Amino acid sequence: MVSNEIKFLIDDVLSEKKLSKNWLEENAKLQRSQLNSYANNKVKRIDLDVLARICIALNVEVGDIMKIQHKIGGR
């Protein structure tokens, strides 16, 4: 069985840019719980406004902070 899921790369981008979650939280005007949901891949429905604010704050494109992860086999 093949399943696909979206994986967020926010922590990778923050590390690459030498920025903290606190910085992103402030600059993207996010609540910490909101940011953690995205960074820890726990979000069930993507809010396009939140996604845009993250991208704008980090000066990246959507594809820089997200990828599709293909899984083959069990869960």
N, C-alpha and C. Protein backbone atom coordinates (compact mmCIF):
# COMPACT_ATOMS: atom_id res chain seq x y z
N MET A 1 0.83 -1.18 0.00
CA MET A 1 0.00 0.00 0.00
C MET A 1 0.88 1.25 0.00
N VAL A 2 0.53 2.19 -0.83
CA VAL A 2 1.28 3.44 -0.92
C VAL A 2 0.47 4.55 -0.27
N SER A 3 1.09 5.29 0.59
CA SER A 3 0.42 6.45 1.18
C SER A 3 1.37 7.64 1.07
N ASN A 4 0.80 8.78 0.91
CA ASN A 4 1.58 10.01 0.79
C ASN A 4 1.18 10.96 1.90
N GLU A 5 2.14 11.70 2.38
CA GLU A 5 1.82 12.73 3.36
C GLU A 5 2.75 13.92 3.14
N ILE A 6 2.28 15.06 3.56
CA ILE A 6 3.08 16.28 3.44
C ILE A 6 3.95 16.41 4.68
N LYS A 7 5.21 16.67 4.46
CA LYS A 7 6.15 16.85 5.56
C LYS A 7 6.64 18.30 5.50
N PHE A 8 6.58 18.96 6.63
CA PHE A 8 7.06 20.33 6.72
C PHE A 8 8.55 20.34 7.08
N LEU A 9 9.27 21.24 6.48
CA LEU A 9 10.72 21.35 6.67
C LEU A 9 11.09 22.64 7.40
N ILE A 10 10.19 23.12 8.21
CA ILE A 10 10.37 24.42 8.88
C ILE A 10 11.62 24.42 9.76
N ASP A 11 11.82 23.37 10.54
CA ASP A 11 13.00 23.32 11.41
C ASP A 11 14.29 23.34 10.59
N ASP A 12 14.29 22.65 9.45
CA ASP A 12 15.47 22.64 8.58
C ASP A 12 15.77 24.04 8.05
N VAL A 13 14.73 24.74 7.61
CA VAL A 13 14.91 26.09 7.07
C VAL A 13 15.37 27.04 8.17
N LEU A 14 14.78 26.94 9.35
CA LEU A 14 15.20 27.79 10.46
C LEU A 14 16.67 27.56 10.79
N SER A 15 17.07 26.31 10.83
CA SER A 15 18.46 25.97 11.13
C SER A 15 19.40 26.51 10.05
N GLU A 16 19.01 26.33 8.80
CA GLU A 16 19.82 26.81 7.67
C GLU A 16 19.99 28.33 7.71
N LYS A 17 18.94 29.03 8.12
CA LYS A 17 18.98 30.49 8.16
C LYS A 17 19.44 31.02 9.52
N LYS A 18 19.73 30.09 10.43
CA LYS A 18 20.18 30.45 11.79
C LYS A 18 19.15 31.33 12.50
N LEU A 19 17.89 30.91 12.41
CA LEU A 19 16.79 31.62 13.05
C LEU A 19 16.13 30.70 14.07
N SER A 20 15.46 31.29 15.04
CA SER A 20 14.79 30.51 16.08
C SER A 20 13.28 30.45 15.82
N LYS A 21 12.65 29.51 16.50
CA LYS A 21 11.18 29.44 16.43
C LYS A 21 10.57 30.70 17.02
N ASN A 22 11.20 31.25 18.05
CA ASN A 22 10.70 32.50 18.63
C ASN A 22 10.70 33.61 17.59
N TRP A 23 11.77 33.69 16.81
CA TRP A 23 11.85 34.70 15.75
C TRP A 23 10.72 34.51 14.75
N LEU A 24 10.51 33.27 14.31
CA LEU A 24 9.47 32.99 13.32
C LEU A 24 8.09 33.26 13.90
N GLU A 25 7.89 32.86 15.14
CA GLU A 25 6.61 33.11 15.82
C GLU A 25 6.26 34.60 15.80
N GLU A 26 7.23 35.43 16.12
CA GLU A 26 7.00 36.88 16.15
C GLU A 26 6.82 37.46 14.75
N ASN A 27 7.68 37.08 13.83
CA ASN A 27 7.67 37.68 12.49
C ASN A 27 6.53 37.18 11.61
N ALA A 28 6.04 35.98 11.87
CA ALA A 28 4.90 35.45 11.11
C ALA A 28 3.59 35.65 11.86
N LYS A 29 3.69 36.24 13.05
CA LYS A 29 2.51 36.49 13.89
C LYS A 29 1.71 35.21 14.13
N LEU A 30 2.42 34.21 14.65
CA LEU A 30 1.81 32.91 14.95
C LEU A 30 1.81 32.67 16.45
N GLN A 31 0.89 31.83 16.89
CA GLN A 31 0.92 31.34 18.26
C GLN A 31 1.91 30.18 18.28
N ARG A 32 2.56 29.97 19.41
CA ARG A 32 3.56 28.90 19.52
C ARG A 32 2.94 27.54 19.19
N SER A 33 1.72 27.29 19.66
CA SER A 33 1.08 26.00 19.39
C SER A 33 0.84 25.80 17.90
N GLN A 34 0.49 26.89 17.22
CA GLN A 34 0.28 26.84 15.77
C GLN A 34 1.58 26.50 15.06
N LEU A 35 2.64 27.20 15.40
CA LEU A 35 3.94 26.96 14.79
C LEU A 35 4.41 25.53 15.06
N ASN A 36 4.26 25.07 16.29
CA ASN A 36 4.68 23.71 16.63
C ASN A 36 3.90 22.66 15.84
N SER A 37 2.62 22.90 15.62
CA SER A 37 1.81 21.96 14.83
C SER A 37 2.39 21.80 13.43
N TYR A 38 2.79 22.89 12.82
CA TYR A 38 3.38 22.83 11.48
C TYR A 38 4.79 22.23 11.54
N ALA A 39 5.62 22.73 12.44
CA ALA A 39 7.01 22.28 12.51
C ALA A 39 7.12 20.80 12.87
N ASN A 40 6.17 20.29 13.67
CA ASN A 40 6.20 18.89 14.10
C ASN A 40 5.31 17.99 13.25
N ASN A 41 4.82 18.52 12.14
CA ASN A 41 4.00 17.75 11.20
C ASN A 41 2.75 17.17 11.85
N LYS A 42 2.13 17.94 12.71
CA LYS A 42 0.91 17.50 13.40
C LYS A 42 -0.34 18.17 12.85
N VAL A 43 -0.17 19.12 11.94
CA VAL A 43 -1.32 19.85 11.41
C VAL A 43 -2.12 18.93 10.48
N LYS A 44 -3.43 18.97 10.61
CA LYS A 44 -4.31 18.12 9.80
C LYS A 44 -4.84 18.86 8.58
N ARG A 45 -5.08 20.15 8.73
CA ARG A 45 -5.56 20.98 7.61
C ARG A 45 -4.67 22.20 7.52
N ILE A 46 -4.14 22.41 6.35
CA ILE A 46 -3.21 23.51 6.15
C ILE A 46 -3.99 24.81 5.95
N ASP A 47 -3.68 25.79 6.76
CA ASP A 47 -4.27 27.12 6.66
C ASP A 47 -3.38 27.93 5.71
N LEU A 48 -3.92 28.32 4.56
CA LEU A 48 -3.13 29.01 3.55
C LEU A 48 -2.59 30.35 4.04
N ASP A 49 -3.34 31.02 4.91
CA ASP A 49 -2.86 32.28 5.47
C ASP A 49 -1.64 32.05 6.35
N VAL A 50 -1.68 31.02 7.17
CA VAL A 50 -0.54 30.68 8.03
C VAL A 50 0.66 30.30 7.16
N LEU A 51 0.41 29.48 6.16
CA LEU A 51 1.48 29.06 5.25
C LEU A 51 2.13 30.27 4.57
N ALA A 52 1.31 31.20 4.12
CA ALA A 52 1.83 32.41 3.47
C ALA A 52 2.65 33.25 4.44
N ARG A 53 2.18 33.39 5.68
CA ARG A 53 2.91 34.19 6.66
C ARG A 53 4.27 33.57 6.98
N ILE A 54 4.31 32.23 7.06
CA ILE A 54 5.58 31.54 7.32
C ILE A 54 6.54 31.78 6.15
N CYS A 55 6.04 31.61 4.93
CA CYS A 55 6.89 31.79 3.75
C CYS A 55 7.39 33.23 3.64
N ILE A 56 6.52 34.19 3.88
CA ILE A 56 6.92 35.59 3.79
C ILE A 56 7.97 35.92 4.85
N ALA A 57 7.75 35.47 6.07
CA ALA A 57 8.70 35.75 7.15
C ALA A 57 10.07 35.15 6.85
N LEU A 58 10.08 33.94 6.29
CA LEU A 58 11.34 33.26 6.00
C LEU A 58 11.92 33.63 4.63
N ASN A 59 11.14 34.38 3.84
CA ASN A 59 11.55 34.74 2.48
C ASN A 59 11.86 33.50 1.65
N VAL A 60 10.91 32.55 1.66
CA VAL A 60 11.04 31.31 0.89
C VAL A 60 9.75 31.04 0.12
N GLU A 61 9.81 30.08 -0.77
CA GLU A 61 8.63 29.62 -1.49
C GLU A 61 8.03 28.43 -0.75
N VAL A 62 6.78 28.13 -1.03
CA VAL A 62 6.09 27.02 -0.35
C VAL A 62 6.89 25.73 -0.48
N GLY A 63 7.42 25.46 -1.66
CA GLY A 63 8.18 24.23 -1.88
C GLY A 63 9.45 24.12 -1.06
N ASP A 64 9.91 25.23 -0.50
CA ASP A 64 11.10 25.22 0.34
C ASP A 64 10.81 24.73 1.76
N ILE A 65 9.53 24.79 2.17
CA ILE A 65 9.20 24.38 3.54
C ILE A 65 8.30 23.16 3.60
N MET A 66 7.96 22.60 2.43
CA MET A 66 7.08 21.43 2.38
C MET A 66 7.60 20.45 1.34
N LYS A 67 7.37 19.16 1.59
CA LYS A 67 7.62 18.15 0.57
C LYS A 67 6.61 17.02 0.75
N ILE A 68 6.40 16.28 -0.31
CA ILE A 68 5.53 15.11 -0.23
C ILE A 68 6.40 13.92 0.07
N GLN A 69 6.04 13.20 1.12
CA GLN A 69 6.79 12.02 1.52
C GLN A 69 5.97 10.81 1.11
N HIS A 70 6.57 9.96 0.28
CA HIS A 70 5.90 8.75 -0.20
C HIS A 70 6.25 7.60 0.74
N LYS A 71 5.24 6.88 1.18
CA LYS A 71 5.46 5.74 2.06
C LYS A 71 4.88 4.50 1.38
N ILE A 72 5.66 3.45 1.36
CA ILE A 72 5.21 2.18 0.79
C ILE A 72 5.16 1.17 1.91
N GLY A 73 4.08 0.40 1.95
CA GLY A 73 3.95 -0.63 2.97
C GLY A 73 2.97 -0.25 4.04
N GLY A 74 3.22 -0.74 5.23
CA GLY A 74 2.32 -0.53 6.37
C GLY A 74 2.21 0.91 6.77
N ARG A 75 1.73 1.12 7.95
CA ARG A 75 1.50 2.47 8.45
C ARG A 75 2.77 3.02 8.92
